[in-house]
Amino acid sequence: MVQADMVQAAAIANNVFHALSNETRRQILERLAAGPATVMDLAEPFDMKLPSFVQHLSVLEKSELVASTKQGRVRTYAIAPAHFQVAEDWLSQQRKLWEARFDRFDDYVLELKNKQLKKKEETK
């Protein structure tokens, strides 16, 4: 991968994880999983001023986890699933690394246990 591509991929991942780091934004995404919704519909369950809520939508849109359309004065948001793959890929990579580490640790503990058993047998 070219350096510029790697930098761009890192920026995308940073935006995605930043967007997912906030509980309000995660709740918005959970709501949008049921289907598109207007700003007013999305904001209704939250106890915050509309400009603050719209900032959350802006972060989600910047991360490309959601996309919006405007018809007249009504803006509607929907899930844009492509960048969810960024988070899934990163988490999968981390899971593989940790599983390999745990496998090596299990092997090491088994080796120590076998050595200990061998010593016990030799001292009998």
PDB file of N, CA and C in Angstrom:
ATOM      1  N   MET A   1       0.847  -1.179   0.000  1.00  0.00           N
ATOM      2  CA  MET A   1       0.000   0.000   0.000  1.00  0.00           C
ATOM      3  C   MET A   1       0.892   1.241   0.000  1.00  0.00           C
ATOM      4  N   VAL A   2       0.587   2.205  -0.813  1.00  0.00           N
ATOM      5  CA  VAL A   2       1.346   3.439  -0.918  1.00  0.00           C
ATOM      6  C   VAL A   2       1.160   4.256   0.363  1.00  0.00           C
ATOM      7  N   GLN A   3       2.180   5.026   0.721  1.00  0.00           N
ATOM      8  CA  GLN A   3       2.150   5.828   1.950  1.00  0.00           C
ATOM      9  C   GLN A   3       0.881   6.683   2.047  1.00  0.00           C
ATOM     10  N   ALA A   4       0.513   7.356   0.961  1.00  0.00           N
ATOM     11  CA  ALA A   4      -0.679   8.216   0.974  1.00  0.00           C
ATOM     12  C   ALA A   4      -1.943   7.408   1.255  1.00  0.00           C
ATOM     13  N   ASP A   5      -2.020   6.185   0.706  1.00  0.00           N
ATOM     14  CA  ASP A   5      -3.176   5.321   0.957  1.00  0.00           C
ATOM     15  C   ASP A   5      -3.243   4.918   2.428  1.00  0.00           C
ATOM     16  N   MET A   6      -2.084   4.641   3.001  1.00  0.00           N
ATOM     17  CA  MET A   6      -2.039   4.255   4.411  1.00  0.00           C
ATOM     18  C   MET A   6      -2.467   5.418   5.307  1.00  0.00           C
ATOM     19  N   VAL A   7      -2.029   6.613   4.957  1.00  0.00           N
ATOM     20  CA  VAL A   7      -2.411   7.797   5.732  1.00  0.00           C
ATOM     21  C   VAL A   7      -3.917   8.016   5.629  1.00  0.00           C
ATOM     22  N   GLN A   8      -4.452   7.865   4.423  1.00  0.00           N
ATOM     23  CA  GLN A   8      -5.889   8.043   4.219  1.00  0.00           C
ATOM     24  C   GLN A   8      -6.685   6.977   4.982  1.00  0.00           C
ATOM     25  N   ALA A   9      -6.219   5.734   4.942  1.00  0.00           N
ATOM     26  CA  ALA A   9      -6.898   4.653   5.666  1.00  0.00           C
ATOM     27  C   ALA A   9      -6.880   4.920   7.164  1.00  0.00           C
ATOM     28  N   ALA A  10      -5.763   5.424   7.687  1.00  0.00           N
ATOM     29  CA  ALA A  10      -5.664   5.749   9.114  1.00  0.00           C
ATOM     30  C   ALA A  10      -6.614   6.883   9.475  1.00  0.00           C
ATOM     31  N   ALA A  11      -6.720   7.882   8.604  1.00  0.00           N
ATOM     32  CA  ALA A  11      -7.630   8.998   8.860  1.00  0.00           C
ATOM     33  C   ALA A  11      -9.080   8.528   8.885  1.00  0.00           C
ATOM     34  N   ILE A  12      -9.425   7.648   7.964  1.00  0.00           N
ATOM     35  CA  ILE A  12     -10.788   7.098   7.935  1.00  0.00           C
ATOM     36  C   ILE A  12     -11.067   6.334   9.226  1.00  0.00           C
ATOM     37  N   ALA A  13     -10.127   5.481   9.626  1.00  0.00           N
ATOM     38  CA  ALA A  13     -10.302   4.704  10.856  1.00  0.00           C
ATOM     39  C   ALA A  13     -10.434   5.627  12.065  1.00  0.00           C
ATOM     40  N   ASN A  14      -9.620   6.668  12.123  1.00  0.00           N
ATOM     41  CA  ASN A  14      -9.709   7.618  13.241  1.00  0.00           C
ATOM     42  C   ASN A  14     -11.076   8.283  13.282  1.00  0.00           C
ATOM     43  N   ASN A  15     -11.596   8.693  12.131  1.00  0.00           N
ATOM     44  CA  ASN A  15     -12.917   9.320  12.081  1.00  0.00           C
ATOM     45  C   ASN A  15     -14.007   8.348  12.510  1.00  0.00           C
ATOM     46  N   VAL A  16     -13.911   7.123  12.060  1.00  0.00           N
ATOM     47  CA  VAL A  16     -14.917   6.116  12.410  1.00  0.00           C
ATOM     48  C   VAL A  16     -14.902   5.852  13.913  1.00  0.00           C
ATOM     49  N   PHE A  17     -13.715   5.617  14.469  1.00  0.00           N
ATOM     50  CA  PHE A  17     -13.659   5.315  15.905  1.00  0.00           C
ATOM     51  C   PHE A  17     -14.010   6.532  16.754  1.00  0.00           C
ATOM     52  N   HIS A  18     -13.686   7.726  16.283  1.00  0.00           N
ATOM     53  CA  HIS A  18     -14.111   8.936  16.994  1.00  0.00           C
ATOM     54  C   HIS A  18     -15.637   8.996  17.023  1.00  0.00           C
ATOM     55  N   ALA A  19     -16.260   8.751  15.884  1.00  0.00           N
ATOM     56  CA  ALA A  19     -17.723   8.784  15.809  1.00  0.00           C
ATOM     57  C   ALA A  19     -18.345   7.733  16.736  1.00  0.00           C
ATOM     58  N   LEU A  20     -17.750   6.560  16.771  1.00  0.00           N
ATOM     59  CA  LEU A  20     -18.298   5.469  17.594  1.00  0.00           C
ATOM     60  C   LEU A  20     -17.993   5.627  19.079  1.00  0.00           C
ATOM     61  N   SER A  21     -17.120   6.541  19.426  1.00  0.00           N
ATOM     62  CA  SER A  21     -16.694   6.679  20.823  1.00  0.00           C
ATOM     63  C   SER A  21     -17.735   7.347  21.713  1.00  0.00           C
ATOM     64  N   ASN A  22     -18.770   7.906  21.123  1.00  0.00           N
ATOM     65  CA  ASN A  22     -19.759   8.651  21.896  1.00  0.00           C
ATOM     66  C   ASN A  22     -21.074   7.878  21.981  1.00  0.00           C
ATOM     67  N   GLU A  23     -21.612   7.782  23.182  1.00  0.00           N
ATOM     68  CA  GLU A  23     -22.839   7.009  23.399  1.00  0.00           C
ATOM     69  C   GLU A  23     -24.028   7.569  22.608  1.00  0.00           C
ATOM     70  N   THR A  24     -24.150   8.879  22.555  1.00  0.00           N
ATOM     71  CA  THR A  24     -25.254   9.479  21.808  1.00  0.00           C
ATOM     72  C   THR A  24     -25.181   9.087  20.336  1.00  0.00           C
ATOM     73  N   ARG A  25     -23.991   9.155  19.765  1.00  0.00           N
ATOM     74  CA  ARG A  25     -23.837   8.786  18.350  1.00  0.00           C
ATOM     75  C   ARG A  25     -24.113   7.307  18.127  1.00  0.00           C
ATOM     76  N   ARG A  26     -23.683   6.463  19.076  1.00  0.00           N
ATOM     77  CA  ARG A  26     -23.989   5.032  18.937  1.00  0.00           C
ATOM     78  C   ARG A  26     -25.495   4.795  19.003  1.00  0.00           C
ATOM     79  N   GLN A  27     -26.199   5.535  19.861  1.00  0.00           N
ATOM     80  CA  GLN A  27     -27.658   5.397  19.950  1.00  0.00           C
ATOM     81  C   GLN A  27     -28.331   5.864  18.658  1.00  0.00           C
ATOM     82  N   ILE A  28     -27.798   6.915  18.061  1.00  0.00           N
ATOM     83  CA  ILE A  28     -28.329   7.382  16.771  1.00  0.00           C
ATOM     84  C   ILE A  28     -28.163   6.283  15.722  1.00  0.00           C
ATOM     85  N   LEU A  29     -26.987   5.672  15.689  1.00  0.00           N
ATOM     86  CA  LEU A  29     -26.746   4.599  14.723  1.00  0.00           C
ATOM     87  C   LEU A  29     -27.679   3.411  14.966  1.00  0.00           C
ATOM     88  N   GLU A  30     -27.910   3.087  16.232  1.00  0.00           N
ATOM     89  CA  GLU A  30     -28.838   1.994  16.546  1.00  0.00           C
ATOM     90  C   GLU A  30     -30.236   2.319  16.027  1.00  0.00           C
ATOM     91  N   ARG A  31     -30.659   3.570  16.212  1.00  0.00           N
ATOM     92  CA  ARG A  31     -31.971   3.975  15.707  1.00  0.00           C
ATOM     93  C   ARG A  31     -32.015   3.890  14.178  1.00  0.00           C
ATOM     94  N   LEU A  32     -30.946   4.360  13.526  1.00  0.00           N
ATOM     95  CA  LEU A  32     -30.914   4.347  12.061  1.00  0.00           C
ATOM     96  C   LEU A  32     -30.827   2.930  11.489  1.00  0.00           C
ATOM     97  N   ALA A  33     -30.422   1.972  12.299  1.00  0.00           N
ATOM     98  CA  ALA A  33     -30.391   0.580  11.847  1.00  0.00           C
ATOM     99  C   ALA A  33     -31.806   0.102  11.489  1.00  0.00           C
ATOM    100  N   ALA A  34     -32.814   0.737  12.082  1.00  0.00           N
ATOM    101  CA  ALA A  34     -34.204   0.383  11.785  1.00  0.00           C
ATOM    102  C   ALA A  34     -34.700   1.041  10.501  1.00  0.00           C
ATOM    103  N   GLY A  35     -33.943   2.026   9.999  1.00  0.00           N
ATOM    104  CA  GLY A  35     -34.332   2.703   8.764  1.00  0.00           C
ATOM    105  C   GLY A  35     -34.063   4.189   8.850  1.00  0.00           C
ATOM    106  N   PRO A  36     -34.143   4.879   7.712  1.00  0.00           N
ATOM    107  CA  PRO A  36     -33.879   6.313   7.679  1.00  0.00           C
ATOM    108  C   PRO A  36     -34.814   7.090   8.608  1.00  0.00           C
ATOM    109  N   ALA A  37     -34.328   8.252   9.075  1.00  0.00           N
ATOM    110  CA  ALA A  37     -35.135   9.086   9.965  1.00  0.00           C
ATOM    111  C   ALA A  37     -34.744  10.546   9.785  1.00  0.00           C
ATOM    112  N   THR A  38     -35.707  11.414  10.055  1.00  0.00           N
ATOM    113  CA  THR A  38     -35.442  12.846   9.965  1.00  0.00           C
ATOM    114  C   THR A  38     -34.665  13.297  11.201  1.00  0.00           C
ATOM    115  N   VAL A  39     -34.085  14.482  11.092  1.00  0.00           N
ATOM    116  CA  VAL A  39     -33.342  15.050  12.224  1.00  0.00           C
ATOM    117  C   VAL A  39     -34.258  15.151  13.435  1.00  0.00           C
ATOM    118  N   MET A  40     -35.467  15.636  13.239  1.00  0.00           N
ATOM    119  CA  MET A  40     -36.390  15.814  14.360  1.00  0.00           C
ATOM    120  C   MET A  40     -36.753  14.476  15.007  1.00  0.00           C
ATOM    121  N   ASP A  41     -36.965  13.449  14.190  1.00  0.00           N
ATOM    122  CA  ASP A  41     -37.264  12.121  14.729  1.00  0.00           C
ATOM    123  C   ASP A  41     -36.072  11.583  15.527  1.00  0.00           C
ATOM    124  N   LEU A  42     -34.886  11.797  15.004  1.00  0.00           N
ATOM    125  CA  LEU A  42     -33.689  11.315  15.695  1.00  0.00           C
ATOM    126  C   LEU A  42     -33.450  12.071  16.988  1.00  0.00           C
ATOM    127  N   ALA A  43     -33.689  13.372  16.984  1.00  0.00           N
ATOM    128  CA  ALA A  43     -33.398  14.215  18.146  1.00  0.00           C
ATOM    129  C   ALA A  43     -34.415  14.040  19.267  1.00  0.00           C
ATOM    130  N   GLU A  44     -35.611  13.626  18.951  1.00  0.00           N
ATOM    131  CA  GLU A  44     -36.720  13.579  19.915  1.00  0.00           C
ATOM    132  C   GLU A  44     -36.385  12.882  21.241  1.00  0.00           C
ATOM    133  N   PRO A  45     -35.752  11.699  21.247  1.00  0.00           N
ATOM    134  CA  PRO A  45     -35.516  11.040  22.536  1.00  0.00           C
ATOM    135  C   PRO A  45     -34.370  11.631  23.368  1.00  0.00           C
ATOM    136  N   PHE A  46     -33.621  12.569  22.814  1.00  0.00           N
ATOM    137  CA  PHE A  46     -32.452  13.101  23.511  1.00  0.00           C
ATOM    138  C   PHE A  46     -32.779  14.432  24.182  1.00  0.00           C
ATOM    139  N   ASP A  47     -32.267  14.592  25.381  1.00  0.00           N
ATOM    140  CA  ASP A  47     -32.485  15.813  26.156  1.00  0.00           C
ATOM    141  C   ASP A  47     -31.324  16.775  25.895  1.00  0.00           C
ATOM    142  N   MET A  48     -31.328  17.358  24.685  1.00  0.00           N
ATOM    143  CA  MET A  48     -30.295  18.337  24.348  1.00  0.00           C
ATOM    144  C   MET A  48     -30.849  19.296  23.306  1.00  0.00           C
ATOM    145  N   LYS A  49     -30.210  20.442  23.231  1.00  0.00           N
ATOM    146  CA  LYS A  49     -30.606  21.449  22.250  1.00  0.00           C
ATOM    147  C   LYS A  49     -30.300  20.933  20.847  1.00  0.00           C
ATOM    148  N   LEU A  50     -31.108  21.337  19.876  1.00  0.00           N
ATOM    149  CA  LEU A  50     -30.965  20.855  18.513  1.00  0.00           C
ATOM    150  C   LEU A  50     -29.579  21.134  17.924  1.00  0.00           C
ATOM    151  N   PRO A  51     -28.979  22.325  18.121  1.00  0.00           N
ATOM    152  CA  PRO A  51     -27.633  22.543  17.568  1.00  0.00           C
ATOM    153  C   PRO A  51     -26.592  21.546  18.101  1.00  0.00           C
ATOM    154  N   SER A  52     -26.692  21.189  19.365  1.00  0.00           N
ATOM    155  CA  SER A  52     -25.771  20.190  19.939  1.00  0.00           C
ATOM    156  C   SER A  52     -26.005  18.823  19.314  1.00  0.00           C
ATOM    157  N   PHE A  53     -27.268  18.493  19.109  1.00  0.00           N
ATOM    158  CA  PHE A  53     -27.596  17.208  18.504  1.00  0.00           C
ATOM    159  C   PHE A  53     -27.099  17.148  17.067  1.00  0.00           C
ATOM    160  N   VAL A  54     -27.270  18.232  16.337  1.00  0.00           N
ATOM    161  CA  VAL A  54     -26.842  18.282  14.943  1.00  0.00           C
ATOM    162  C   VAL A  54     -25.325  18.122  14.839  1.00  0.00           C
ATOM    163  N   GLN A  55     -24.591  18.570  15.847  1.00  0.00           N
ATOM    164  CA  GLN A  55     -23.138  18.357  15.849  1.00  0.00           C
ATOM    165  C   GLN A  55     -22.816  16.861  15.855  1.00  0.00           C
ATOM    166  N   HIS A  56     -23.593  16.076  16.596  1.00  0.00           N
ATOM    167  CA  HIS A  56     -23.400  14.623  16.606  1.00  0.00           C
ATOM    168  C   HIS A  56     -23.645  14.045  15.213  1.00  0.00           C
ATOM    169  N   LEU A  57     -24.696  14.526  14.568  1.00  0.00           N
ATOM    170  CA  LEU A  57     -24.985  14.057  13.207  1.00  0.00           C
ATOM    171  C   LEU A  57     -23.865  14.442  12.253  1.00  0.00           C
ATOM    172  N   SER A  58     -23.300  15.621  12.472  1.00  0.00           N
ATOM    173  CA  SER A  58     -22.197  16.076  11.628  1.00  0.00           C
ATOM    174  C   SER A  58     -20.975  15.170  11.766  1.00  0.00           C
ATOM    175  N   VAL A  59     -20.672  14.769  12.993  1.00  0.00           N
ATOM    176  CA  VAL A  59     -19.549  13.852  13.226  1.00  0.00           C
ATOM    177  C   VAL A  59     -19.804  12.520  12.537  1.00  0.00           C
ATOM    178  N   LEU A  60     -21.018  12.020  12.638  1.00  0.00           N
ATOM    179  CA  LEU A  60     -21.367  10.750  11.985  1.00  0.00           C
ATOM    180  C   LEU A  60     -21.276  10.872  10.470  1.00  0.00           C
ATOM    181  N   GLU A  61     -21.689  12.006   9.943  1.00  0.00           N
ATOM    182  CA  GLU A  61     -21.634  12.189   8.498  1.00  0.00           C
ATOM    183  C   GLU A  61     -20.188  12.354   8.025  1.00  0.00           C
ATOM    184  N   LYS A  62     -19.373  13.052   8.809  1.00  0.00           N
ATOM    185  CA  LYS A  62     -17.960  13.217   8.449  1.00  0.00           C
ATOM    186  C   LYS A  62     -17.249  11.863   8.409  1.00  0.00           C
ATOM    187  N   SER A  63     -17.631  10.981   9.304  1.00  0.00           N
ATOM    188  CA  SER A  63     -17.026   9.642   9.349  1.00  0.00           C
ATOM    189  C   SER A  63     -17.597   8.733   8.255  1.00  0.00           C
ATOM    190  N   GLU A  64     -18.616   9.209   7.580  1.00  0.00           N
ATOM    191  CA  GLU A  64     -19.308   8.477   6.518  1.00  0.00           C
ATOM    192  C   GLU A  64     -20.009   7.215   7.021  1.00  0.00           C
ATOM    193  N   LEU A  65     -20.398   7.250   8.299  1.00  0.00           N
ATOM    194  CA  LEU A  65     -21.211   6.162   8.839  1.00  0.00           C
ATOM    195  C   LEU A  65     -22.684   6.395   8.526  1.00  0.00           C
ATOM    196  N   VAL A  66     -23.026   7.653   8.257  1.00  0.00           N
ATOM    197  CA  VAL A  66     -24.383   8.002   7.835  1.00  0.00           C
ATOM    198  C   VAL A  66     -24.296   8.927   6.626  1.00  0.00           C
ATOM    199  N   ALA A  67     -25.382   8.990   5.911  1.00  0.00           N
ATOM    200  CA  ALA A  67     -25.506   9.919   4.779  1.00  0.00           C
ATOM    201  C   ALA A  67     -26.842  10.626   4.934  1.00  0.00           C
ATOM    202  N   SER A  68     -26.902  11.863   4.457  1.00  0.00           N
ATOM    203  CA  SER A  68     -28.146  12.611   4.583  1.00  0.00           C
ATOM    204  C   SER A  68     -28.631  13.077   3.215  1.00  0.00           C
ATOM    205  N   THR A  69     -29.933  13.246   3.155  1.00  0.00           N
ATOM    206  CA  THR A  69     -30.555  13.838   1.980  1.00  0.00           C
ATOM    207  C   THR A  69     -31.466  14.949   2.480  1.00  0.00           C
ATOM    208  N   LYS A  70     -31.660  15.942   1.639  1.00  0.00           N
ATOM    209  CA  LYS A  70     -32.511  17.061   2.034  1.00  0.00           C
ATOM    210  C   LYS A  70     -33.610  17.224   1.003  1.00  0.00           C
ATOM    211  N   GLN A  71     -34.834  17.265   1.496  1.00  0.00           N
ATOM    212  CA  GLN A  71     -35.982  17.496   0.634  1.00  0.00           C
ATOM    213  C   GLN A  71     -36.743  18.676   1.242  1.00  0.00           C
ATOM    214  N   GLY A  72     -36.650  19.801   0.570  1.00  0.00           N
ATOM    215  CA  GLY A  72     -37.241  21.020   1.130  1.00  0.00           C
ATOM    216  C   GLY A  72     -36.455  21.423   2.371  1.00  0.00           C
ATOM    217  N   ARG A  73     -37.161  21.529   3.484  1.00  0.00           N
ATOM    218  CA  ARG A  73     -36.509  21.901   4.741  1.00  0.00           C
ATOM    219  C   ARG A  73     -36.206  20.691   5.627  1.00  0.00           C
ATOM    220  N   VAL A  74     -36.520  19.504   5.131  1.00  0.00           N
ATOM    221  CA  VAL A  74     -36.378  18.292   5.941  1.00  0.00           C
ATOM    222  C   VAL A  74     -35.129  17.513   5.524  1.00  0.00           C
ATOM    223  N   ARG A  75     -34.265  17.285   6.509  1.00  0.00           N
ATOM    224  CA  ARG A  75     -33.059  16.490   6.271  1.00  0.00           C
ATOM    225  C   ARG A  75     -33.283  15.114   6.888  1.00  0.00           C
ATOM    226  N   THR A  76     -33.002  14.086   6.078  1.00  0.00           N
ATOM    227  CA  THR A  76     -33.191  12.699   6.506  1.00  0.00           C
ATOM    228  C   THR A  76     -31.837  11.998   6.489  1.00  0.00           C
ATOM    229  N   TYR A  77     -31.588  11.217   7.523  1.00  0.00           N
ATOM    230  CA  TYR A  77     -30.327  10.474   7.654  1.00  0.00           C
ATOM    231  C   TYR A  77     -30.588   8.986   7.507  1.00  0.00           C
ATOM    232  N   ALA A  78     -29.582   8.306   6.968  1.00  0.00           N
ATOM    233  CA  ALA A  78     -29.638   6.844   6.818  1.00  0.00           C
ATOM    234  C   ALA A  78     -28.239   6.283   7.055  1.00  0.00           C
ATOM    235  N   ILE A  79     -28.193   5.034   7.446  1.00  0.00           N
ATOM    236  CA  ILE A  79     -26.915   4.337   7.631  1.00  0.00           C
ATOM    237  C   ILE A  79     -26.194   4.256   6.291  1.00  0.00           C
ATOM    238  N   ALA A  80     -24.892   4.476   6.328  1.00  0.00           N
ATOM    239  CA  ALA A  80     -24.026   4.276   5.156  1.00  0.00           C
ATOM    240  C   ALA A  80     -23.011   3.208   5.577  1.00  0.00           C
ATOM    241  N   PRO A  81     -23.273   1.958   5.261  1.00  0.00           N
ATOM    242  CA  PRO A  81     -22.538   0.849   5.871  1.00  0.00           C
ATOM    243  C   PRO A  81     -21.073   0.669   5.481  1.00  0.00           C
ATOM    244  N   ALA A  82     -20.599   1.290   4.437  1.00  0.00           N
ATOM    245  CA  ALA A  82     -19.241   1.007   3.944  1.00  0.00           C
ATOM    246  C   ALA A  82     -18.162   1.203   4.994  1.00  0.00           C
ATOM    247  N   HIS A  83     -18.211   2.277   5.753  1.00  0.00           N
ATOM    248  CA  HIS A  83     -17.133   2.540   6.708  1.00  0.00           C
ATOM    249  C   HIS A  83     -17.257   1.743   8.007  1.00  0.00           C
ATOM    250  N   PHE A  84     -18.378   1.070   8.203  1.00  0.00           N
ATOM    251  CA  PHE A  84     -18.454   0.151   9.341  1.00  0.00           C
ATOM    252  C   PHE A  84     -17.440  -0.974   9.149  1.00  0.00           C
ATOM    253  N   GLN A  85     -17.150  -1.289   7.890  1.00  0.00           N
ATOM    254  CA  GLN A  85     -16.166  -2.332   7.582  1.00  0.00           C
ATOM    255  C   GLN A  85     -14.787  -1.955   8.100  1.00  0.00           C
ATOM    256  N   VAL A  86     -14.472  -0.657   8.123  1.00  0.00           N
ATOM    257  CA  VAL A  86     -13.184  -0.192   8.640  1.00  0.00           C
ATOM    258  C   VAL A  86     -13.028  -0.624  10.101  1.00  0.00           C
ATOM    259  N   ALA A  87     -14.065  -0.369  10.895  1.00  0.00           N
ATOM    260  CA  ALA A  87     -14.023  -0.751  12.304  1.00  0.00           C
ATOM    261  C   ALA A  87     -13.969  -2.266  12.457  1.00  0.00           C
ATOM    262  N   GLU A  88     -14.781  -2.953  11.680  1.00  0.00           N
ATOM    263  CA  GLU A  88     -14.804  -4.415  11.749  1.00  0.00           C
ATOM    264  C   GLU A  88     -13.446  -5.020  11.381  1.00  0.00           C
ATOM    265  N   ASP A  89     -12.821  -4.494  10.333  1.00  0.00           N
ATOM    266  CA  ASP A  89     -11.510  -5.001   9.914  1.00  0.00           C
ATOM    267  C   ASP A  89     -10.450  -4.762  10.983  1.00  0.00           C
ATOM    268  N   TRP A  90     -10.457  -3.577  11.578  1.00  0.00           N
ATOM    269  CA  TRP A  90      -9.464  -3.257  12.607  1.00  0.00           C
ATOM    270  C   TRP A  90      -9.660  -4.165  13.819  1.00  0.00           C
ATOM    271  N   LEU A  91     -10.901  -4.316  14.257  1.00  0.00           N
ATOM    272  CA  LEU A  91     -11.181  -5.170  15.408  1.00  0.00           C
ATOM    273  C   LEU A  91     -10.821  -6.624  15.124  1.00  0.00           C
ATOM    274  N   SER A  92     -11.085  -7.087  13.916  1.00  0.00           N
ATOM    275  CA  SER A  92     -10.741  -8.453  13.528  1.00  0.00           C
ATOM    276  C   SER A  92      -9.229  -8.656  13.569  1.00  0.00           C
ATOM    277  N   GLN A  93      -8.500  -7.676  13.066  1.00  0.00           N
ATOM    278  CA  GLN A  93      -7.038  -7.758  13.087  1.00  0.00           C
ATOM    279  C   GLN A  93      -6.526  -7.817  14.532  1.00  0.00           C
ATOM    280  N   GLN A  94      -7.094  -6.990  15.405  1.00  0.00           N
ATOM    281  CA  GLN A  94      -6.682  -7.002  16.810  1.00  0.00           C
ATOM    282  C   GLN A  94      -7.025  -8.333  17.475  1.00  0.00           C
ATOM    283  N   ARG A  95      -8.197  -8.880  17.149  1.00  0.00           N
ATOM    284  CA  ARG A  95      -8.602 -10.169  17.713  1.00  0.00           C
ATOM    285  C   ARG A  95      -7.617 -11.262  17.313  1.00  0.00           C
ATOM    286  N   LYS A  96      -7.205 -11.266  16.044  1.00  0.00           N
ATOM    287  CA  LYS A  96      -6.244 -12.271  15.569  1.00  0.00           C
ATOM    288  C   LYS A  96      -4.912 -12.144  16.304  1.00  0.00           C
ATOM    289  N   LEU A  97      -4.453 -10.912  16.499  1.00  0.00           N
ATOM    290  CA  LEU A  97      -3.193 -10.701  17.228  1.00  0.00           C
ATOM    291  C   LEU A  97      -3.283 -11.245  18.647  1.00  0.00           C
ATOM    292  N   TRP A  98      -4.390 -10.923  19.337  1.00  0.00           N
ATOM    293  CA  TRP A  98      -4.532 -11.368  20.725  1.00  0.00           C
ATOM    294  C   TRP A  98      -4.737 -12.876  20.817  1.00  0.00           C
ATOM    295  N   GLU A  99      -5.458 -13.450  19.873  1.00  0.00           N
ATOM    296  CA  GLU A  99      -5.628 -14.900  19.889  1.00  0.00           C
ATOM    297  C   GLU A  99      -4.292 -15.595  19.692  1.00  0.00           C
ATOM    298  N   ALA A 100      -3.458 -15.064  18.803  1.00  0.00           N
ATOM    299  CA  ALA A 100      -2.122 -15.642  18.594  1.00  0.00           C
ATOM    300  C   ALA A 100      -1.289 -15.515  19.859  1.00  0.00           C
ATOM    301  N   ARG A 101      -1.384 -14.380  20.533  1.00  0.00           N
ATOM    302  CA  ARG A 101      -0.640 -14.192  21.793  1.00  0.00           C
ATOM    303  C   ARG A 101      -1.111 -15.177  22.857  1.00  0.00           C
ATOM    304  N   PHE A 102      -2.423 -15.338  22.965  1.00  0.00           N
ATOM    305  CA  PHE A 102      -2.962 -16.282  23.956  1.00  0.00           C
ATOM    306  C   PHE A 102      -2.573 -17.711  23.612  1.00  0.00           C
ATOM    307  N   ASP A 103      -2.546 -18.049  22.339  1.00  0.00           N
ATOM    308  CA  ASP A 103      -2.119 -19.388  21.923  1.00  0.00           C
ATOM    309  C   ASP A 103      -0.664 -19.633  22.335  1.00  0.00           C
ATOM    310  N   ARG A 104       0.196 -18.632  22.091  1.00  0.00           N
ATOM    311  CA  ARG A 104       1.599 -18.765  22.491  1.00  0.00           C
ATOM    312  C   ARG A 104       1.728 -18.882  24.008  1.00  0.00           C
ATOM    313  N   PHE A 105       0.909 -18.115  24.731  1.00  0.00           N
ATOM    314  CA  PHE A 105       0.930 -18.185  26.192  1.00  0.00           C
ATOM    315  C   PHE A 105       0.472 -19.566  26.667  1.00  0.00           C
ATOM    316  N   ASP A 106      -0.588 -20.088  26.072  1.00  0.00           N
ATOM    317  CA  ASP A 106      -1.064 -21.436  26.412  1.00  0.00           C
ATOM    318  C   ASP A 106       0.031 -22.474  26.175  1.00  0.00           C
ATOM    319  N   ASP A 107       0.724 -22.353  25.037  1.00  0.00           N
ATOM    320  CA  ASP A 107       1.818 -23.274  24.730  1.00  0.00           C
ATOM    321  C   ASP A 107       2.920 -23.176  25.780  1.00  0.00           C
ATOM    322  N   TYR A 108       3.237 -21.966  26.183  1.00  0.00           N
ATOM    323  CA  TYR A 108       4.287 -21.744  27.183  1.00  0.00           C
ATOM    324  C   TYR A 108       3.887 -22.342  28.531  1.00  0.00           C
ATOM    325  N   VAL A 109       2.646 -22.113  28.951  1.00  0.00           N
ATOM    326  CA  VAL A 109       2.172 -22.664  30.228  1.00  0.00           C
ATOM    327  C   VAL A 109       2.175 -24.181  30.179  1.00  0.00           C
ATOM    328  N   LEU A 110       1.764 -24.763  29.066  1.00  0.00           N
ATOM    329  CA  LEU A 110       1.778 -26.212  28.900  1.00  0.00           C
ATOM    330  C   LEU A 110       3.201 -26.748  28.975  1.00  0.00           C
ATOM    331  N   GLU A 111       4.135 -26.047  28.354  1.00  0.00           N
ATOM    332  CA  GLU A 111       5.547 -26.434  28.385  1.00  0.00           C
ATOM    333  C   GLU A 111       6.078 -26.402  29.822  1.00  0.00           C
ATOM    334  N   LEU A 112       5.736 -25.355  30.560  1.00  0.00           N
ATOM    335  CA  LEU A 112       6.166 -25.260  31.961  1.00  0.00           C
ATOM    336  C   LEU A 112       5.566 -26.387  32.803  1.00  0.00           C
ATOM    337  N   LYS A 113       4.324 -26.671  32.559  1.00  0.00           N
ATOM    338  CA  LYS A 113       3.645 -27.739  33.293  1.00  0.00           C
ATOM    339  C   LYS A 113       4.301 -29.083  32.999  1.00  0.00           C
ATOM    340  N   ASN A 114       4.617 -29.334  31.735  1.00  0.00           N
ATOM    341  CA  ASN A 114       5.274 -30.588  31.359  1.00  0.00           C
ATOM    342  C   ASN A 114       6.658 -30.695  31.989  1.00  0.00           C
ATOM    343  N   LYS A 115       7.399 -29.599  32.028  1.00  0.00           N
ATOM    344  CA  LYS A 115       8.715 -29.597  32.669  1.00  0.00           C
ATOM    345  C   LYS A 115       8.583 -29.902  34.150  1.00  0.00           C
ATOM    346  N   GLN A 116       7.572 -29.316  34.768  1.00  0.00           N
ATOM    347  CA  GLN A 116       7.353 -29.535  36.200  1.00  0.00           C
ATOM    348  C   GLN A 116       6.998 -30.996  36.463  1.00  0.00           C
ATOM    349  N   LEU A 117       6.147 -31.580  35.626  1.00  0.00           N
ATOM    350  CA  LEU A 117       5.790 -32.989  35.783  1.00  0.00           C
ATOM    351  C   LEU A 117       7.015 -33.902  35.575  1.00  0.00           C
ATOM    352  N   LYS A 118       7.837 -33.551  34.611  1.00  0.00           N
ATOM    353  CA  LYS A 118       9.037 -34.322  34.323  1.00  0.00           C
ATOM    354  C   LYS A 118       9.997 -34.285  35.511  1.00  0.00           C
ATOM    355  N   LYS A 119      10.130 -33.116  36.133  1.00  0.00           N
ATOM    356  CA  LYS A 119      10.998 -32.977  37.318  1.00  0.00           C
ATOM    357  C   LYS A 119      10.477 -33.829  38.470  1.00  0.00           C
ATOM    358  N   LYS A 120       9.152 -33.825  38.645  1.00  0.00           N
ATOM    359  CA  LYS A 120       8.558 -34.624  39.710  1.00  0.00           C
ATOM    360  C   LYS A 120       8.837 -36.091  39.501  1.00  0.00           C
ATOM    361  N   GLU A 121       8.723 -36.556  38.272  1.00  0.00           N
ATOM    362  CA  GLU A 121       8.969 -37.971  37.963  1.00  0.00           C
ATOM    363  C   GLU A 121      10.423 -38.328  38.187  1.00  0.00           C
ATOM    364  N   GLU A 122      11.348 -37.411  37.900  1.00  0.00           N
ATOM    365  CA  GLU A 122      12.761 -37.666  38.074  1.00  0.00           C
ATOM    366  C   GLU A 122      13.148 -37.730  39.543  1.00  0.00           C
ATOM    367  N   THR A 123      12.415 -37.022  40.394  1.00  0.00           N
ATOM    368  CA  THR A 123      12.756 -37.013  41.812  1.00  0.00           C
ATOM    369  C   THR A 123      12.139 -38.187  42.560  1.00  0.00           C
ATOM    370  N   LYS A 124      11.320 -38.952  41.935  1.00  0.00           N
ATOM    371  CA  LYS A 124      10.705 -40.096  42.602  1.00  0.00           C
ATOM    372  C   LYS A 124      11.667 -41.244  42.720  1.00  0.00           C
TER     373      LYS A 124
END
